[in-house]
């Protein structure tokens, strides 16, 4: 079943976050990928509200900077955020645009990882490649937003010049 997709629009479903997490977990356990439209701004600027995410089954080894889907044990809520720290206790996970980490999450709570992000039908690569480690470092310290904002202010005039 590897390579097959199940795409679900969470706004079209009437189910709780816990049920949605169970649906995703069951799909990923079968080896299929799961596509859905991401709600919210906690992963901005790399994953925006309305982006289509493709989630693959979680690998055996989860690396720093990977964007993972996990279930919060205390409330069974499905969350997609970045791994910003790894310890013996588990994985420290945080949204790129969130002020605080979610928590230290054990491996069993991680059900998949983001392998593809699409905005307006275009595939986005930034944030899932080798740069993910730098992004995790900046995010963990709360420096990501200021660095991205400053970088955009510097690059924006150049980008406008290239398009002209």
N, C-alpha and C. Protein backbone atom coordinates (compact mmCIF):
# COMPACT_ATOMS: atom_id res chain seq x y z
N UNK A 1 0.83 -1.19 0.00
CA UNK A 1 0.00 0.00 0.00
C UNK A 1 0.87 1.25 0.00
N UNK A 2 2.18 1.10 0.12
CA UNK A 2 3.07 2.24 0.16
C UNK A 2 2.90 3.08 -1.10
N UNK A 3 2.85 4.39 -0.93
CA UNK A 3 2.68 5.30 -2.04
C UNK A 3 1.24 5.68 -2.30
N UNK A 4 0.29 4.99 -1.70
CA UNK A 4 -1.11 5.36 -1.84
C UNK A 4 -1.42 6.51 -0.89
N UNK A 5 -2.45 7.28 -1.23
CA UNK A 5 -2.80 8.44 -0.43
C UNK A 5 -4.25 8.38 0.01
N UNK A 6 -4.49 8.89 1.17
CA UNK A 6 -5.85 9.17 1.62
C UNK A 6 -5.86 10.66 1.91
N UNK A 7 -6.74 11.41 1.25
CA UNK A 7 -6.81 12.86 1.46
C UNK A 7 -8.15 13.17 2.12
N UNK A 8 -8.06 13.90 3.20
CA UNK A 8 -9.26 14.24 3.96
C UNK A 8 -9.28 15.73 4.21
N UNK A 9 -10.43 16.35 4.01
CA UNK A 9 -10.62 17.76 4.33
C UNK A 9 -11.25 17.81 5.72
N UNK A 10 -10.49 18.24 6.76
CA UNK A 10 -11.03 18.22 8.12
C UNK A 10 -12.25 19.13 8.30
N UNK A 11 -12.40 20.14 7.44
CA UNK A 11 -13.56 21.02 7.57
C UNK A 11 -14.83 20.35 7.06
N UNK A 12 -14.66 19.31 6.23
CA UNK A 12 -15.83 18.61 5.69
C UNK A 12 -16.28 17.47 6.60
N UNK A 13 -15.48 17.16 7.60
CA UNK A 13 -15.80 16.07 8.50
C UNK A 13 -16.36 16.61 9.80
N UNK A 14 -17.26 15.86 10.34
CA UNK A 14 -17.78 16.20 11.66
C UNK A 14 -17.24 15.16 12.63
N UNK A 15 -16.01 15.37 13.06
CA UNK A 15 -15.41 14.44 14.00
C UNK A 15 -14.49 15.20 14.94
N UNK A 16 -14.29 14.63 16.08
CA UNK A 16 -13.42 15.27 17.07
C UNK A 16 -11.97 15.15 16.63
N UNK A 17 -11.12 15.95 17.24
CA UNK A 17 -9.69 15.89 16.96
C UNK A 17 -9.15 14.50 17.30
N UNK A 18 -9.65 13.91 18.38
CA UNK A 18 -9.20 12.56 18.77
C UNK A 18 -9.57 11.54 17.70
N UNK A 19 -10.79 11.63 17.15
CA UNK A 19 -11.20 10.71 16.09
C UNK A 19 -10.38 10.94 14.83
N UNK A 20 -10.10 12.20 14.53
CA UNK A 20 -9.30 12.53 13.36
C UNK A 20 -7.89 11.96 13.51
N UNK A 21 -7.32 12.06 14.72
CA UNK A 21 -5.99 11.50 14.99
C UNK A 21 -6.01 9.99 14.82
N UNK A 22 -7.07 9.34 15.27
CA UNK A 22 -7.18 7.88 15.12
C UNK A 22 -7.28 7.49 13.64
N UNK A 23 -8.03 8.27 12.85
CA UNK A 23 -8.14 8.01 11.41
C UNK A 23 -6.78 8.12 10.75
N UNK A 24 -6.03 9.19 11.07
CA UNK A 24 -4.71 9.36 10.49
C UNK A 24 -3.79 8.21 10.91
N UNK A 25 -3.78 7.88 12.18
CA UNK A 25 -2.91 6.81 12.68
C UNK A 25 -3.23 5.49 12.00
N UNK A 26 -4.50 5.17 11.84
CA UNK A 26 -4.90 3.91 11.20
C UNK A 26 -4.45 3.88 9.74
N UNK A 27 -4.56 5.01 9.05
CA UNK A 27 -4.13 5.10 7.66
C UNK A 27 -2.62 4.91 7.55
N UNK A 28 -1.87 5.59 8.41
CA UNK A 28 -0.41 5.50 8.38
C UNK A 28 0.08 4.11 8.77
N UNK A 29 -0.61 3.45 9.68
CA UNK A 29 -0.24 2.09 10.08
C UNK A 29 -0.32 1.11 8.91
N UNK A 30 -1.17 1.41 7.94
CA UNK A 30 -1.32 0.56 6.75
C UNK A 30 -0.22 0.86 5.72
N UNK A 31 0.61 1.85 5.99
CA UNK A 31 1.69 2.21 5.08
C UNK A 31 1.33 3.26 4.05
N UNK A 32 0.10 3.76 4.09
CA UNK A 32 -0.33 4.79 3.15
C UNK A 32 0.03 6.17 3.67
N UNK A 33 0.12 7.13 2.76
CA UNK A 33 0.30 8.52 3.14
C UNK A 33 -1.06 9.13 3.41
N UNK A 34 -1.07 10.20 4.19
CA UNK A 34 -2.32 10.88 4.57
C UNK A 34 -2.16 12.34 4.20
N UNK A 35 -3.07 12.88 3.39
CA UNK A 35 -3.03 14.29 2.99
C UNK A 35 -4.21 15.01 3.62
N UNK A 36 -3.93 16.22 4.11
CA UNK A 36 -5.01 17.02 4.68
C UNK A 36 -4.64 18.49 4.63
N UNK A 37 -5.64 19.31 4.78
CA UNK A 37 -5.45 20.75 4.79
C UNK A 37 -5.19 21.19 6.23
N UNK A 38 -4.05 21.84 6.43
CA UNK A 38 -3.64 22.24 7.77
C UNK A 38 -4.34 23.51 8.20
N UNK A 39 -4.98 23.49 9.36
CA UNK A 39 -5.59 24.71 9.88
C UNK A 39 -4.63 25.40 10.86
N UNK A 40 -4.66 26.70 10.91
CA UNK A 40 -3.92 27.42 11.94
C UNK A 40 -2.61 28.03 11.48
N UNK A 41 -1.99 28.75 12.40
CA UNK A 41 -0.79 29.52 12.10
C UNK A 41 0.41 29.15 12.96
N UNK A 42 0.32 28.06 13.71
CA UNK A 42 1.40 27.72 14.65
C UNK A 42 2.70 27.32 13.96
N UNK A 43 2.65 26.98 12.66
CA UNK A 43 3.87 26.59 11.95
C UNK A 43 4.30 27.62 10.91
N UNK A 44 3.71 28.81 10.94
CA UNK A 44 4.13 29.88 10.02
C UNK A 44 5.58 30.23 10.30
N UNK A 45 6.34 30.57 9.32
CA UNK A 45 5.99 30.86 7.94
C UNK A 45 6.13 29.65 7.00
N UNK A 46 6.63 28.53 7.48
CA UNK A 46 6.91 27.40 6.59
C UNK A 46 5.67 26.58 6.24
N UNK A 47 4.74 26.49 7.15
CA UNK A 47 3.46 25.85 6.87
C UNK A 47 2.39 26.86 7.24
N UNK A 48 1.67 27.32 6.23
CA UNK A 48 0.66 28.35 6.45
C UNK A 48 -0.72 27.74 6.58
N UNK A 49 -1.63 28.50 7.15
CA UNK A 49 -3.03 28.09 7.25
C UNK A 49 -3.54 27.75 5.85
N UNK A 50 -4.14 26.59 5.70
CA UNK A 50 -4.68 26.17 4.42
C UNK A 50 -3.71 25.39 3.55
N UNK A 51 -2.47 25.20 3.99
CA UNK A 51 -1.52 24.40 3.22
C UNK A 51 -1.96 22.94 3.23
N UNK A 52 -1.65 22.23 2.16
CA UNK A 52 -1.94 20.80 2.10
C UNK A 52 -0.67 20.06 2.51
N UNK A 53 -0.80 19.25 3.55
CA UNK A 53 0.33 18.48 4.07
C UNK A 53 0.19 17.03 3.68
N UNK A 54 1.30 16.40 3.35
CA UNK A 54 1.33 14.97 3.14
C UNK A 54 2.13 14.38 4.30
N UNK A 55 1.48 13.48 5.02
CA UNK A 55 2.08 12.83 6.17
C UNK A 55 2.41 11.39 5.79
N UNK A 56 3.64 10.97 6.05
CA UNK A 56 4.06 9.59 5.82
C UNK A 56 4.20 8.91 7.18
N UNK A 57 4.19 7.58 7.19
CA UNK A 57 4.42 6.89 8.46
C UNK A 57 5.75 7.36 9.08
N UNK A 58 5.80 7.47 10.39
CA UNK A 58 7.00 7.95 11.08
C UNK A 58 8.14 6.95 10.90
N UNK A 59 9.33 7.45 10.62
CA UNK A 59 10.48 6.55 10.50
C UNK A 59 10.87 6.03 11.89
N UNK A 60 11.69 5.02 11.90
CA UNK A 60 12.16 4.47 13.17
C UNK A 60 12.94 5.53 13.94
N UNK A 61 13.79 6.25 13.23
CA UNK A 61 14.60 7.30 13.86
C UNK A 61 14.07 8.66 13.44
N UNK A 62 13.68 9.44 14.41
CA UNK A 62 13.18 10.79 14.15
C UNK A 62 14.32 11.76 14.42
N UNK A 63 14.53 12.68 13.49
CA UNK A 63 15.68 13.59 13.57
C UNK A 63 15.26 14.99 14.00
N UNK A 64 16.24 15.68 14.54
CA UNK A 64 16.05 17.08 14.92
C UNK A 64 15.61 17.88 13.70
N UNK A 65 14.58 18.69 13.87
CA UNK A 65 14.10 19.56 12.81
C UNK A 65 12.98 18.97 11.98
N UNK A 66 12.73 17.68 12.10
CA UNK A 66 11.64 17.10 11.32
C UNK A 66 10.30 17.61 11.82
N UNK A 67 9.35 17.74 10.90
CA UNK A 67 8.00 18.16 11.25
C UNK A 67 7.18 16.88 11.36
N UNK A 68 6.62 16.67 12.54
CA UNK A 68 5.93 15.41 12.83
C UNK A 68 4.47 15.65 13.23
N UNK A 69 3.67 14.61 13.01
CA UNK A 69 2.29 14.59 13.49
C UNK A 69 2.31 13.73 14.76
N UNK A 70 1.75 14.26 15.82
CA UNK A 70 1.71 13.50 17.06
C UNK A 70 0.38 13.74 17.76
N UNK A 71 0.12 12.88 18.72
CA UNK A 71 -1.11 12.98 19.50
C UNK A 71 -0.73 13.41 20.91
N UNK A 72 -1.31 14.52 21.35
CA UNK A 72 -1.08 14.97 22.73
C UNK A 72 -1.74 13.97 23.67
N UNK A 73 -0.97 13.31 24.51
CA UNK A 73 -1.54 12.26 25.37
C UNK A 73 -2.62 12.76 26.33
N UNK A 74 -2.47 13.97 26.84
CA UNK A 74 -3.41 14.47 27.84
C UNK A 74 -4.79 14.78 27.27
N UNK A 75 -4.88 15.07 25.95
CA UNK A 75 -6.18 15.42 25.38
C UNK A 75 -6.49 14.70 24.06
N UNK A 76 -5.60 13.85 23.60
CA UNK A 76 -5.75 13.08 22.35
C UNK A 76 -5.91 13.97 21.12
N UNK A 77 -5.39 15.19 21.18
CA UNK A 77 -5.49 16.13 20.06
C UNK A 77 -4.34 15.90 19.08
N UNK A 78 -4.67 15.93 17.78
CA UNK A 78 -3.67 15.80 16.74
C UNK A 78 -2.96 17.14 16.54
N UNK A 79 -1.62 17.12 16.49
CA UNK A 79 -0.82 18.33 16.32
C UNK A 79 0.29 18.03 15.31
N UNK A 80 0.62 19.01 14.48
CA UNK A 80 1.74 18.91 13.55
C UNK A 80 2.71 20.04 13.88
N UNK A 81 3.85 19.69 14.47
CA UNK A 81 4.87 20.67 14.86
C UNK A 81 6.26 20.09 14.62
N UNK A 82 7.29 20.90 14.87
CA UNK A 82 8.68 20.54 14.60
C UNK A 82 9.39 20.00 15.85
N UNK A 83 10.25 19.01 15.64
CA UNK A 83 11.10 18.47 16.71
C UNK A 83 12.25 19.47 16.91
N UNK A 84 12.32 20.08 18.10
CA UNK A 84 13.36 21.08 18.38
C UNK A 84 14.37 20.60 19.42
N UNK A 85 14.16 19.40 19.94
CA UNK A 85 15.10 18.83 20.90
C UNK A 85 14.86 17.34 21.05
N UNK A 86 15.95 16.62 21.32
CA UNK A 86 15.87 15.16 21.51
C UNK A 86 16.63 14.81 22.77
N UNK A 87 15.98 14.02 23.63
CA UNK A 87 16.64 13.54 24.85
C UNK A 87 16.20 12.10 25.11
N UNK A 88 16.72 11.51 26.17
CA UNK A 88 16.31 10.15 26.53
C UNK A 88 14.84 10.09 26.91
N UNK A 89 14.31 11.20 27.42
CA UNK A 89 12.91 11.24 27.84
C UNK A 89 11.96 11.30 26.65
N UNK A 90 12.44 11.80 25.50
CA UNK A 90 11.59 11.90 24.33
C UNK A 90 11.99 13.05 23.44
N UNK A 91 11.00 13.59 22.73
CA UNK A 91 11.22 14.63 21.73
C UNK A 91 10.54 15.91 22.18
N UNK A 92 11.30 17.00 22.21
CA UNK A 92 10.73 18.31 22.51
C UNK A 92 10.17 18.85 21.19
N UNK A 93 8.88 19.17 21.20
CA UNK A 93 8.20 19.56 19.98
C UNK A 93 7.60 20.96 20.15
N UNK A 94 7.70 21.76 19.06
CA UNK A 94 7.25 23.15 19.14
C UNK A 94 6.80 23.62 17.76
N UNK A 95 5.77 24.42 17.73
CA UNK A 95 5.36 25.07 16.49
C UNK A 95 6.35 26.17 16.15
N UNK A 96 6.67 26.35 14.89
CA UNK A 96 7.63 27.38 14.48
C UNK A 96 7.19 28.77 14.91
N UNK A 97 5.89 29.00 15.01
CA UNK A 97 5.35 30.30 15.37
C UNK A 97 4.76 30.32 16.78
N UNK A 98 5.01 29.27 17.54
CA UNK A 98 4.47 29.18 18.90
C UNK A 98 5.49 29.73 19.90
N UNK A 99 5.02 30.41 20.95
CA UNK A 99 5.96 30.98 21.91
C UNK A 99 6.63 29.93 22.81
N UNK A 100 5.97 28.83 23.07
CA UNK A 100 6.49 27.80 23.97
C UNK A 100 6.41 26.43 23.31
N UNK A 101 7.29 25.50 23.71
CA UNK A 101 7.19 24.13 23.21
C UNK A 101 5.90 23.46 23.70
N UNK A 102 5.46 22.46 22.94
CA UNK A 102 4.27 21.71 23.33
C UNK A 102 4.56 20.91 24.60
N UNK A 103 5.61 20.11 24.52
CA UNK A 103 5.98 19.25 25.64
C UNK A 103 7.05 18.30 25.14
N UNK A 104 7.50 17.47 26.06
CA UNK A 104 8.38 16.37 25.69
C UNK A 104 7.46 15.20 25.36
N UNK A 105 7.55 14.70 24.14
CA UNK A 105 6.64 13.68 23.64
C UNK A 105 7.40 12.37 23.46
N UNK A 106 6.82 11.28 23.92
CA UNK A 106 7.46 9.98 23.74
C UNK A 106 7.27 9.50 22.30
N UNK A 107 8.12 8.62 21.86
CA UNK A 107 8.10 8.12 20.47
C UNK A 107 6.74 7.53 20.10
N UNK A 108 6.10 6.84 21.01
CA UNK A 108 4.82 6.18 20.72
C UNK A 108 3.72 7.18 20.36
N UNK A 109 3.87 8.43 20.77
CA UNK A 109 2.85 9.45 20.46
C UNK A 109 3.01 10.04 19.06
N UNK A 110 4.18 9.81 18.44
CA UNK A 110 4.43 10.35 17.10
C UNK A 110 3.93 9.35 16.08
N UNK A 111 2.97 9.79 15.24
CA UNK A 111 2.34 8.86 14.30
C UNK A 111 2.82 9.04 12.87
N UNK A 112 3.45 10.16 12.55
CA UNK A 112 3.92 10.37 11.18
C UNK A 112 4.78 11.60 11.07
N UNK A 113 5.30 11.82 9.86
CA UNK A 113 6.11 13.02 9.63
C UNK A 113 5.70 13.65 8.31
N UNK A 114 5.84 14.95 8.25
CA UNK A 114 5.48 15.70 7.05
C UNK A 114 6.56 15.46 5.99
N UNK A 115 6.13 15.03 4.81
CA UNK A 115 7.06 14.80 3.71
C UNK A 115 6.82 15.75 2.54
N UNK A 116 5.67 16.46 2.58
CA UNK A 116 5.37 17.39 1.49
C UNK A 116 4.44 18.48 1.99
N UNK A 117 4.72 19.71 1.57
CA UNK A 117 3.88 20.86 1.90
C UNK A 117 3.55 21.57 0.59
N UNK A 118 2.27 21.87 0.39
CA UNK A 118 1.83 22.58 -0.82
C UNK A 118 1.04 23.82 -0.41
N UNK A 119 1.42 24.97 -0.99
CA UNK A 119 0.69 26.23 -0.82
C UNK A 119 0.16 26.62 -2.18
N UNK A 120 -1.12 26.80 -2.30
CA UNK A 120 -1.75 27.22 -3.56
C UNK A 120 -1.32 26.33 -4.73
N UNK A 121 -1.22 25.04 -4.48
CA UNK A 121 -0.87 24.09 -5.53
C UNK A 121 0.61 24.00 -5.84
N UNK A 122 1.45 24.78 -5.17
CA UNK A 122 2.89 24.76 -5.41
C UNK A 122 3.59 24.06 -4.26
N UNK A 123 4.53 23.18 -4.59
CA UNK A 123 5.26 22.47 -3.56
C UNK A 123 6.30 23.39 -2.91
N UNK A 124 6.33 23.37 -1.58
CA UNK A 124 7.27 24.17 -0.82
C UNK A 124 8.36 23.25 -0.26
N UNK A 125 9.61 23.63 -0.40
CA UNK A 125 10.70 22.80 0.06
C UNK A 125 11.33 23.33 1.35
N UNK A 126 11.32 24.64 1.53
CA UNK A 126 11.99 25.25 2.67
C UNK A 126 11.38 24.77 3.98
N UNK A 127 12.21 24.28 4.86
CA UNK A 127 11.77 23.83 6.18
C UNK A 127 11.76 22.33 6.34
N UNK A 128 11.87 21.58 5.23
CA UNK A 128 11.86 20.12 5.33
C UNK A 128 13.20 19.52 4.92
N UNK A 129 14.10 20.31 4.36
CA UNK A 129 15.40 19.80 3.91
C UNK A 129 16.46 19.93 5.01
N UNK A 130 17.69 20.07 4.57
CA UNK A 130 18.82 20.15 5.51
C UNK A 130 18.72 21.35 6.44
N UNK A 131 18.03 22.39 6.00
CA UNK A 131 17.90 23.61 6.82
C UNK A 131 17.02 23.39 8.05
N UNK A 132 16.35 22.26 8.12
CA UNK A 132 15.42 22.01 9.23
C UNK A 132 16.13 22.05 10.59
N UNK A 133 17.41 21.67 10.64
CA UNK A 133 18.16 21.70 11.90
C UNK A 133 18.38 23.14 12.36
N UNK A 134 18.71 24.02 11.44
CA UNK A 134 18.89 25.44 11.78
C UNK A 134 17.55 26.03 12.22
N UNK A 135 16.48 25.69 11.50
CA UNK A 135 15.15 26.18 11.86
C UNK A 135 14.77 25.70 13.26
N UNK A 136 15.05 24.44 13.57
CA UNK A 136 14.75 23.90 14.91
C UNK A 136 15.52 24.66 15.98
N UNK A 137 16.79 24.95 15.73
CA UNK A 137 17.63 25.69 16.68
C UNK A 137 17.04 27.08 16.93
N UNK A 138 16.72 27.80 15.85
CA UNK A 138 16.16 29.15 15.97
C UNK A 138 14.79 29.12 16.64
N UNK A 139 13.96 28.16 16.28
CA UNK A 139 12.62 28.06 16.85
C UNK A 139 12.67 27.79 18.35
N UNK A 140 13.53 26.88 18.75
CA UNK A 140 13.63 26.52 20.18
C UNK A 140 13.99 27.73 21.03
N UNK A 141 14.80 28.61 20.50
CA UNK A 141 15.25 29.78 21.25
C UNK A 141 14.35 31.01 21.06
N UNK A 142 13.32 30.88 20.23
CA UNK A 142 12.42 32.00 19.99
C UNK A 142 12.97 33.02 19.03
N UNK A 143 13.98 32.65 18.26
CA UNK A 143 14.63 33.58 17.33
C UNK A 143 14.13 33.44 15.90
N UNK A 144 13.32 32.43 15.62
CA UNK A 144 12.94 32.16 14.24
C UNK A 144 12.19 33.32 13.60
N UNK A 145 11.15 33.80 14.25
CA UNK A 145 10.35 34.88 13.66
C UNK A 145 11.19 36.14 13.39
N UNK A 146 12.01 36.61 14.35
CA UNK A 146 12.82 37.80 14.05
C UNK A 146 13.81 37.58 12.90
N UNK A 147 14.41 36.39 12.82
CA UNK A 147 15.37 36.13 11.75
C UNK A 147 14.67 36.08 10.39
N UNK A 148 13.53 35.41 10.33
CA UNK A 148 12.78 35.33 9.07
C UNK A 148 12.30 36.72 8.66
N UNK A 149 11.79 37.48 9.61
CA UNK A 149 11.30 38.83 9.30
C UNK A 149 12.44 39.70 8.78
N UNK A 150 13.59 39.68 9.45
CA UNK A 150 14.74 40.48 9.01
C UNK A 150 15.23 40.02 7.64
N UNK A 151 15.28 38.71 7.44
CA UNK A 151 15.71 38.18 6.14
C UNK A 151 14.78 38.60 5.02
N UNK A 152 13.48 38.57 5.30
CA UNK A 152 12.50 38.97 4.29
C UNK A 152 12.64 40.46 3.95
N UNK A 153 12.91 41.27 4.95
CA UNK A 153 13.08 42.72 4.69
C UNK A 153 14.29 42.97 3.79
N UNK A 154 15.34 42.16 3.95
CA UNK A 154 16.54 42.32 3.13
C UNK A 154 16.30 41.76 1.72
N UNK A 155 15.65 40.60 1.64
CA UNK A 155 15.50 39.92 0.35
C UNK A 155 14.35 40.45 -0.51
N UNK A 156 13.33 41.02 0.12
CA UNK A 156 12.15 41.46 -0.62
C UNK A 156 12.47 42.41 -1.77
N UNK A 157 13.29 43.44 -1.56
CA UNK A 157 13.62 44.33 -2.69
C UNK A 157 14.37 43.58 -3.81
N UNK A 158 15.18 42.61 -3.45
CA UNK A 158 15.91 41.83 -4.46
C UNK A 158 14.96 40.97 -5.27
N UNK A 159 14.00 40.34 -4.58
CA UNK A 159 13.03 39.49 -5.27
C UNK A 159 12.18 40.32 -6.22
N UNK A 160 11.75 41.49 -5.78
CA UNK A 160 10.97 42.38 -6.66
C UNK A 160 11.79 42.75 -7.90
N UNK A 161 13.09 42.98 -7.72
CA UNK A 161 13.97 43.32 -8.85
C UNK A 161 14.12 42.16 -9.82
N UNK A 162 14.14 40.92 -9.32
CA UNK A 162 14.28 39.75 -10.21
C UNK A 162 13.02 39.55 -11.04
N UNK A 163 11.86 39.88 -10.49
CA UNK A 163 10.59 39.65 -11.20
C UNK A 163 10.34 40.71 -12.26
N UNK A 164 10.98 41.86 -12.13
CA UNK A 164 10.71 42.96 -13.06
C UNK A 164 11.29 42.69 -14.43
